[in-house]
Protein backbone atom coordinates (compact mmCIF):
# COMPACT_ATOMS: atom_id res chain seq x y z
CA MET A 1 -5.06 -17.10 7.42
CA LEU A 2 -7.28 -20.42 8.25
CA MET A 3 -5.11 -23.64 7.45
CA ASN A 4 -7.01 -26.80 6.62
CA SER A 5 -5.17 -30.18 5.60
CA THR A 6 -5.85 -32.35 2.87
CA ALA A 7 -6.02 -35.05 5.20
CA ASN A 8 -8.75 -37.42 5.60
CA GLU A 9 -10.41 -35.91 8.76
CA THR A 10 -12.16 -39.52 9.62
CA SER A 11 -8.82 -41.68 9.76
CA THR A 12 -7.78 -42.25 13.44
CA ALA A 13 -4.20 -43.82 12.20
CA PRO A 14 -1.92 -41.96 10.04
CA ALA A 15 -1.03 -43.74 6.99
CA GLU A 16 2.16 -43.66 5.26
CA PRO A 17 2.79 -40.15 3.81
CA GLU A 18 3.21 -39.91 0.34
CA TYR A 19 6.11 -36.96 -0.04
CA ASN A 20 5.24 -34.04 -2.22
CA PHE A 21 9.00 -32.60 -2.96
CA ALA A 22 7.39 -29.97 -5.55
CA ALA A 23 5.43 -28.45 -2.65
CA LEU A 24 8.83 -28.58 -0.59
CA PHE A 25 10.83 -26.79 -3.52
CA LEU A 26 7.92 -24.20 -4.04
CA GLY A 27 7.31 -23.57 -0.26
CA VAL A 28 11.49 -23.04 0.59
CA LEU A 29 11.19 -20.64 -2.42
CA LEU A 30 8.25 -18.66 -1.52
CA ILE A 31 9.51 -18.35 1.94
CA LEU A 32 13.07 -17.04 0.35
CA PHE A 33 11.04 -14.75 -1.60
CA ILE A 34 8.89 -12.90 0.77
CA ILE A 35 11.67 -12.63 3.45
CA CYS A 36 14.18 -10.89 0.94
CA GLY A 37 11.64 -9.18 -0.61
CA ASN A 38 10.11 -7.45 2.56
CA VAL A 39 13.46 -7.05 4.52
CA LEU A 40 14.34 -4.91 1.79
CA VAL A 41 11.11 -2.76 1.97
CA CYS A 42 11.82 -2.18 5.35
CA LEU A 43 15.58 -1.44 5.19
CA SER A 44 14.93 0.94 2.22
CA VAL A 45 12.33 3.18 4.72
CA PHE A 46 14.76 3.11 7.59
CA SER A 47 17.77 3.56 5.39
CA GLU A 48 16.35 6.11 2.74
CA ARG A 49 15.59 9.74 4.01
CA ALA A 50 13.21 10.02 1.14
CA LEU A 51 11.41 7.40 2.02
CA LYS A 52 10.40 7.85 5.36
CA THR A 53 7.08 9.14 5.26
CA THR A 54 4.19 8.21 7.54
CA THR A 55 2.35 6.12 4.85
CA ASN A 56 5.62 3.88 4.30
CA TYR A 57 5.75 3.63 7.94
CA PHE A 58 2.16 1.64 7.83
CA ILE A 59 3.77 -0.20 4.54
CA VAL A 60 7.01 -1.38 7.04
CA SER A 61 3.82 -2.52 9.45
CA LEU A 62 2.45 -4.61 6.60
CA ALA A 63 5.73 -6.02 5.45
CA VAL A 64 6.79 -6.85 8.94
CA ALA A 65 3.38 -9.09 9.14
CA ASP A 66 4.37 -10.40 5.73
CA LEU A 67 7.98 -11.15 7.35
CA LEU A 68 6.29 -13.16 10.43
CA LEU A 69 4.09 -15.11 8.20
CA ALA A 70 7.18 -16.19 6.67
CA VAL A 71 8.95 -17.15 9.37
CA LEU A 72 6.67 -18.53 11.62
CA VAL A 73 3.62 -19.82 9.69
CA LEU A 74 5.22 -21.08 6.23
CA PRO A 75 7.50 -23.37 7.45
CA LEU A 76 5.02 -25.01 9.13
CA TYR A 77 2.45 -25.04 6.27
CA VAL A 78 5.27 -26.27 3.95
CA TYR A 79 6.22 -29.11 6.32
CA THR A 80 2.45 -30.05 6.15
CA GLU A 81 2.11 -29.96 2.57
CA PHE A 82 5.30 -31.82 2.33
CA ARG A 83 4.00 -34.91 4.09
CA ASP A 84 0.61 -35.01 2.21
CA GLY A 85 -1.15 -33.04 4.87
CA ILE A 86 -0.38 -35.49 7.71
CA TRP A 87 0.21 -33.04 10.96
CA THR A 88 2.68 -34.77 13.20
CA LEU A 89 4.46 -31.96 15.63
CA GLY A 90 1.22 -32.22 18.11
CA PRO A 91 -1.76 -30.09 19.48
CA ILE A 92 0.18 -27.30 21.17
CA LEU A 93 1.91 -26.36 18.32
CA CYS A 94 -1.09 -27.06 16.42
CA ASP A 95 -2.84 -24.43 18.25
CA ALA A 96 0.21 -22.03 17.81
CA LEU A 97 0.45 -21.99 14.13
CA MET A 98 -3.73 -21.62 13.87
CA THR A 99 -3.00 -18.47 16.40
CA MET A 100 -0.57 -16.96 14.34
CA ASP A 101 -2.23 -17.70 10.98
CA VAL A 102 -5.46 -15.96 12.00
CA MET A 103 -3.48 -12.96 13.39
CA LEU A 104 -1.29 -12.35 10.49
CA CYS A 105 -3.86 -12.51 8.02
CA THR A 106 -5.86 -10.33 9.77
CA ALA A 107 -3.04 -7.76 10.64
CA SER A 108 -2.16 -7.69 6.79
CA ILE A 109 -5.71 -6.69 5.94
CA PHE A 110 -6.12 -4.32 9.16
CA ASN A 111 -2.68 -2.47 8.10
CA LEU A 112 -4.25 -2.08 4.76
CA CYS A 113 -7.61 -0.99 6.25
CA ALA A 114 -5.27 1.56 8.22
CA ILE A 115 -3.59 3.15 5.36
CA SER A 116 -6.98 3.92 3.69
CA VAL A 117 -7.89 5.88 6.74
CA ASP A 118 -4.40 7.47 7.05
CA ARG A 119 -5.03 8.32 3.02
CA PHE A 120 -8.10 9.95 3.33
CA ILE A 121 -7.23 12.03 6.57
CA ALA A 122 -4.25 13.25 3.89
CA VAL A 123 -6.62 13.96 0.96
CA SER A 124 -9.48 15.58 3.59
CA ILE A 125 -7.23 17.87 5.38
CA PRO A 126 -4.07 17.85 3.58
CA LEU A 127 -2.52 21.10 5.49
CA ASN A 128 -2.83 19.69 9.02
CA TYR A 129 -1.44 16.10 7.95
CA ASN A 130 2.13 15.44 9.17
CA ARG A 131 4.05 13.38 6.39
CA ARG A 132 7.52 13.11 7.85
CA GLN A 133 6.68 11.91 11.75
CA VAL A 134 4.35 9.47 13.16
CA ASP A 135 1.86 11.80 14.95
CA LYS A 136 -0.35 10.17 18.14
CA ARG A 137 -3.22 9.26 15.41
CA GLN A 138 -1.08 7.42 12.98
CA LEU A 139 0.50 5.66 16.45
CA PHE A 140 -3.04 5.00 17.50
CA LEU A 141 -3.85 3.27 13.80
CA LEU A 142 -0.67 1.33 13.99
CA SER A 143 -1.01 -0.16 17.33
CA THR A 144 -4.75 -0.73 17.00
CA THR A 145 -4.16 -2.63 13.89
CA TRP A 146 -2.06 -5.00 15.91
CA ILE A 147 -3.88 -5.11 19.05
CA PHE A 148 -7.22 -6.06 16.73
CA SER A 149 -5.62 -8.94 15.01
CA PHE A 150 -4.38 -10.61 18.16
CA ALA A 151 -7.90 -10.01 19.75
CA VAL A 152 -9.72 -11.75 16.47
CA ALA A 153 -7.22 -14.80 16.79
CA SER A 154 -6.70 -15.22 20.37
CA PRO A 155 -9.41 -17.29 21.17
CA VAL A 156 -7.55 -20.19 19.40
CA ILE A 157 -4.65 -19.84 21.72
CA PHE A 158 -6.60 -19.90 24.94
CA GLY A 159 -8.36 -23.02 23.89
CA LEU A 160 -11.00 -22.89 20.92
CA ASN A 161 -9.53 -26.03 19.15
CA ASN A 162 -9.67 -28.30 22.16
CA VAL A 163 -12.66 -30.18 21.42
CA PRO A 164 -13.51 -34.15 22.29
CA ASN A 165 -12.45 -36.35 19.55
CA ARG A 166 -9.81 -34.33 18.12
CA ASP A 167 -7.82 -35.71 15.41
CA PRO A 168 -4.17 -35.33 16.08
CA THR A 169 -2.96 -36.06 12.70
CA VAL A 170 -5.12 -32.96 11.31
CA CYS A 171 -4.33 -29.11 12.06
CA LYS A 172 -7.14 -26.89 11.48
CA LEU A 173 -9.86 -25.03 13.14
CA GLU A 174 -12.33 -27.07 14.64
CA ASP A 175 -15.00 -24.53 15.31
CA ASP A 176 -16.79 -23.80 12.32
CA ASN A 177 -18.72 -20.82 14.31
CA PHE A 178 -15.14 -19.40 15.09
CA VAL A 179 -14.49 -19.64 11.01
CA ILE A 180 -17.20 -17.61 10.61
CA TYR A 181 -16.23 -14.96 12.91
CA SER A 182 -12.87 -14.72 11.99
CA SER A 183 -13.70 -14.38 8.19
CA ILE A 184 -15.95 -11.84 9.00
CA CYS A 185 -13.78 -9.87 11.17
CA SER A 186 -10.88 -10.15 8.98
CA PHE A 187 -11.92 -9.80 6.11
CA PHE A 188 -15.42 -8.97 5.08
CA ILE A 189 -15.77 -5.91 7.28
CA PRO A 190 -12.79 -4.58 6.38
CA CYS A 191 -12.56 -4.67 2.76
CA PRO A 192 -16.12 -2.69 1.93
CA ILE A 193 -14.90 0.28 4.45
CA MET A 194 -11.57 0.13 2.76
CA LEU A 195 -12.87 -0.03 -0.35
CA ILE A 196 -15.40 2.91 0.27
CA LEU A 197 -12.61 4.59 1.85
CA TYR A 198 -10.35 4.55 -1.27
CA CYS A 199 -13.34 5.82 -3.62
CA ALA A 200 -14.11 8.82 -1.50
CA MET A 201 -10.53 9.75 -2.02
CA PHE A 202 -10.32 9.10 -5.74
CA ASN A 203 -13.62 11.31 -5.98
CA SER A 204 -12.14 14.30 -3.96
CA LEU A 205 -8.83 14.08 -5.91
CA ARG A 206 -10.53 14.09 -9.06
CA ARG A 207 -12.53 17.26 -7.93
CA TRP A 208 -9.71 18.78 -6.52
CA GLU A 209 -7.75 18.28 -10.07
CA GLU A 210 -10.75 19.71 -12.20
CA ALA A 211 -10.83 22.70 -9.88
CA ARG A 212 -7.60 23.49 -9.94
CA LYS A 213 -7.28 23.20 -13.70
CA ALA A 214 -10.45 25.72 -13.79
CA LYS A 215 -8.69 28.09 -11.63
CA LEU A 216 -5.49 27.87 -13.64
CA ARG A 217 -7.39 28.75 -16.82
CA SER A 218 -9.29 31.56 -15.27
CA HIS A 219 -6.03 32.91 -14.11
CA MET A 220 -3.95 33.01 -17.43
CA ASN A 221 -7.04 33.95 -19.63
CA PRO A 222 -10.19 35.75 -17.32
CA ASP A 223 -12.13 37.00 -20.48
CA GLY A 224 -11.65 34.13 -22.95
CA LYS A 225 -9.20 36.48 -25.01
CA PRO A 226 -5.51 36.11 -25.72
CA PRO A 227 -3.13 36.74 -22.75
CA CYS A 228 -1.60 40.43 -23.01
CA PRO A 229 2.34 40.27 -22.90
CA PRO A 230 3.94 40.97 -19.37
CA LEU A 231 4.81 44.67 -18.30
CA LEU A 232 8.55 45.60 -19.64
CA PHE A 233 10.28 47.30 -16.69
CA ASP A 234 13.95 48.51 -16.49
CA ARG A 235 14.53 48.18 -20.50
CA SER A 236 16.20 50.49 -22.42
CA PRO A 237 14.85 51.97 -25.65
CA SER A 238 17.37 49.76 -27.72
CA ASP A 239 16.33 46.75 -25.85
CA SER A 240 12.39 47.30 -26.47
CA ARG A 241 11.17 45.95 -29.86
CA LEU A 242 8.24 47.85 -31.96
CA GLU A 243 6.33 44.60 -31.89
CA ASP A 244 6.63 44.72 -27.98
CA LEU A 245 5.27 48.03 -27.46
CA SER A 246 2.73 48.65 -30.08
CA ILE A 247 0.74 45.24 -28.80
CA TYR A 248 -0.31 47.44 -25.83
CA SER A 249 -2.15 50.00 -27.90
CA HIS A 250 -4.99 47.19 -28.41
CA SER A 251 -7.65 47.66 -26.35
CA GLU A 252 -7.97 44.18 -24.75
CA CYS A 253 -4.73 45.07 -23.31
CA PRO A 254 -5.96 47.73 -20.80
CA PHE A 255 -2.32 49.32 -20.08
CA PRO A 256 -2.10 53.35 -19.94
CA ARG A 257 -1.25 55.20 -23.19
CA ALA A 258 1.94 56.93 -21.36
CA TYR A 259 3.60 53.43 -21.52
CA VAL A 260 3.58 53.00 -25.17
CA GLU A 261 3.86 56.76 -26.08
CA ASN A 262 6.79 57.59 -24.15
CA GLY A 263 9.66 57.84 -27.08
CA ASN A 264 13.26 58.01 -24.91
CA SER A 265 12.07 55.46 -21.65
CA ILE A 266 9.96 53.45 -20.72
CA GLN A 267 7.79 54.07 -17.61
CA THR A 268 7.00 51.61 -15.01
CA VAL A 269 3.50 51.33 -14.40
CA ALA A 270 1.74 51.42 -10.92
CA TYR A 271 -1.76 49.43 -10.66
CA PRO A 272 -3.21 50.49 -7.07
CA GLU A 273 -6.36 48.39 -7.63
CA LEU A 274 -4.30 45.29 -7.61
CA LYS A 275 -3.61 44.08 -4.13
CA TYR A 276 -0.25 41.94 -3.60
CA THR A 277 -0.32 38.49 -1.14
CA PRO A 278 3.15 38.47 0.09
CA HIS A 279 2.62 34.92 1.56
CA PRO A 280 0.77 33.14 -1.03
CA VAL A 281 1.74 30.01 0.52
CA PRO A 282 -1.63 27.95 1.42
CA GLN A 283 -2.45 27.55 -2.21
CA ARG A 284 1.17 26.29 -3.21
CA LYS A 285 1.20 24.05 -0.14
CA GLN A 286 -2.36 22.48 -0.95
CA ALA A 287 -1.19 22.17 -4.35
CA LYS A 288 2.06 20.36 -3.86
CA ILE A 289 0.36 18.08 -1.01
CA CYS A 290 -2.47 17.06 -3.19
CA GLY A 291 0.04 16.39 -6.16
CA ARG A 292 2.16 13.99 -3.71
CA GLU A 293 -0.88 12.27 -2.53
CA ARG A 294 -1.82 12.03 -6.15
CA LYS A 295 1.55 10.22 -6.46
CA ALA A 296 1.40 7.97 -3.78
CA MET A 297 -1.78 6.61 -4.23
CA LYS A 298 -0.54 5.27 -7.58
CA VAL A 299 0.84 2.26 -5.72
CA LEU A 300 -2.01 1.44 -3.12
CA PRO A 301 -5.04 0.75 -5.31
CA VAL A 302 -2.67 -1.84 -6.59
CA VAL A 303 -1.57 -3.42 -3.44
CA VAL A 304 -5.36 -3.60 -2.36
CA GLY A 305 -6.45 -5.01 -5.32
CA THR A 306 -3.67 -7.75 -5.54
CA PHE A 307 -4.67 -8.30 -1.75
CA LEU A 308 -8.17 -8.92 -2.83
CA VAL A 309 -7.53 -10.74 -5.96
CA CYS A 310 -5.31 -13.42 -3.50
CA TRP A 311 -7.38 -13.37 -0.39
CA THR A 312 -10.97 -13.07 -1.73
CA PRO A 313 -11.27 -16.85 -3.15
CA PHE A 314 -9.67 -18.39 0.30
CA PHE A 315 -12.26 -16.70 2.58
CA VAL A 316 -15.29 -17.46 0.05
CA VAL A 317 -14.46 -20.90 0.02
CA HIS A 318 -13.77 -21.20 3.81
CA ILE A 319 -16.86 -19.70 4.97
CA THR A 320 -18.54 -21.65 2.62
CA ARG A 321 -17.49 -24.82 4.22
CA ALA A 322 -18.84 -23.20 7.42
CA LEU A 323 -21.84 -22.19 6.31
CA CYS A 324 -22.58 -25.55 4.32
CA GLN A 325 -21.89 -28.72 5.91
CA SER A 326 -22.97 -30.72 2.84
CA CYS A 327 -20.99 -29.11 0.30
CA ALA A 328 -18.32 -30.90 -0.93
CA ILE A 329 -15.10 -28.77 -1.86
CA PRO A 330 -12.30 -30.81 -3.46
CA ASP A 331 -8.96 -30.69 -1.68
CA ALA A 332 -6.87 -29.23 -4.65
CA VAL A 333 -9.40 -26.67 -4.34
CA ILE A 334 -8.45 -25.49 -0.53
CA SER A 335 -5.02 -26.12 -1.34
CA ILE A 336 -4.90 -23.99 -4.29
CA VAL A 337 -6.49 -20.67 -2.52
CA THR A 338 -4.44 -21.50 0.69
CA TRP A 339 -0.99 -20.91 -1.67
CA LEU A 340 -2.45 -18.10 -3.48
CA GLY A 341 -3.29 -16.60 -0.06
CA TYR A 342 0.31 -16.81 1.00
CA VAL A 343 1.64 -15.41 -2.42
CA ASN A 344 0.30 -12.35 -1.87
CA SER A 345 3.19 -11.60 0.67
CA ALA A 346 5.86 -12.40 -2.11
CA LEU A 347 4.09 -9.75 -4.17
CA ASN A 348 3.87 -6.61 -2.31
CA PRO A 349 7.45 -5.84 -2.68
CA ILE A 350 7.14 -6.42 -6.46
CA ILE A 351 4.25 -3.91 -6.75
CA TYR A 352 6.54 -1.44 -4.83
CA THR A 353 9.36 -1.79 -7.25
CA ILE A 354 7.39 -1.27 -10.41
CA PHE A 355 4.96 1.37 -9.45
CA ASN A 356 7.40 3.44 -6.78
CA ALA A 357 10.22 4.99 -8.14
CA GLU A 358 11.81 5.67 -4.50
CA PHE A 359 11.67 1.93 -3.92
CA ARG A 360 12.62 0.83 -7.15
CA ASN A 361 16.14 2.96 -7.19
CA TYR A 362 16.71 1.43 -3.70
CA PHE A 363 16.18 -2.14 -4.90
CA ARG A 364 18.28 -1.45 -7.87
CA LYS A 365 20.95 0.11 -5.93
CA VAL A 366 20.66 -2.71 -3.08
CA LEU A 367 20.93 -5.43 -5.83
CA HIS A 368 23.40 -3.88 -7.75
CA LEU A 369 25.67 -3.78 -4.88
CA PHE A 370 25.19 -7.26 -3.79
CA CYS A 371 26.03 -8.61 -7.19
CA TRP A 372 29.04 -6.73 -7.76
CA ARG A 373 29.98 -7.77 -4.66
CA GLU A 374 29.45 -11.56 -5.17
CA TRP A 375 30.46 -11.79 -8.79
CA CYS A 376 32.77 -9.34 -9.75
CA PRO A 377 36.45 -10.03 -8.67
CA ARG A 378 38.24 -6.99 -6.47
CA THR A 379 41.24 -5.53 -8.07
CA PRO A 380 44.51 -6.26 -6.80
CA ARG A 381 46.26 -3.22 -5.62
CA LEU A 382 49.82 -2.40 -6.84
């Protein structure tokens, strides 16, 4: 993310700051919430066998980006907000902060884009998709996510911010061209790709669901007539009811007459024209896989939608400032959109808890265990 201070950029001597205790309190609370929530996400995937899927490994990568943001970026940003936007920690630390800020924001959206690519492959070729082990394709996506994120942010740490007449009391990106470049690479290119992939996936799942229902209806009732009862095998006459036998004399149930006219026993009927398939696994496997993908995709659009709601105002505001030098955007608006972007890192664990039963059960178990150890006294042994 790209930080901008609310201090007066034209000032050369730092004024006595007005300490913002509300920003300090909310910032510390947000940092703790982000750390606790995303640590639970990581622990749940690595400790619960049901959660060890390739999709959740991408979610862990996203959680790691949020954790690093809370540990490396947010404390310094909260410190600056507490001091009314005045930076006092020197230009080197400011450049490191800007680099981490841009890289981790880019890593978050690249992780979401990698998840959408992985989900698209899972829906398009479900039988060739590995769900329990990370293969070379998924390792490539994960590594590319972080390599590209660092590549986008690296110009800052390599001296892009070292411009003449730089104000040491303001920590921000000094080059407007870099603001435009990083915004396009981090947000305005990946987001349309991600949305297109999700639309294609939902259309594929909808078509698959319609075809599955039509095939099921055709198997159950191929001629539009009431289905015939199943054949009766290995039953004695005393166990056979009259209505079970008389129904086979109807014309819509083409069973042999000897089947129903035998008075002493019920014969076994063979149908040579019906071929038995000993291993109908691919259809069942495909149905199971598609059902699993449909369940997994319930939470991912919510994550993507929340990310867009939180980060779109920020990127729109800052690319507008870079493109329009005469546009006067209030400092309060910049601060609000910046805080809104950081809040997204705390919302992902909440989304997983609400929409994913496995994450919810693990969170409940951990919180219950923690509360029990903290608040419930141990019963002394007699």
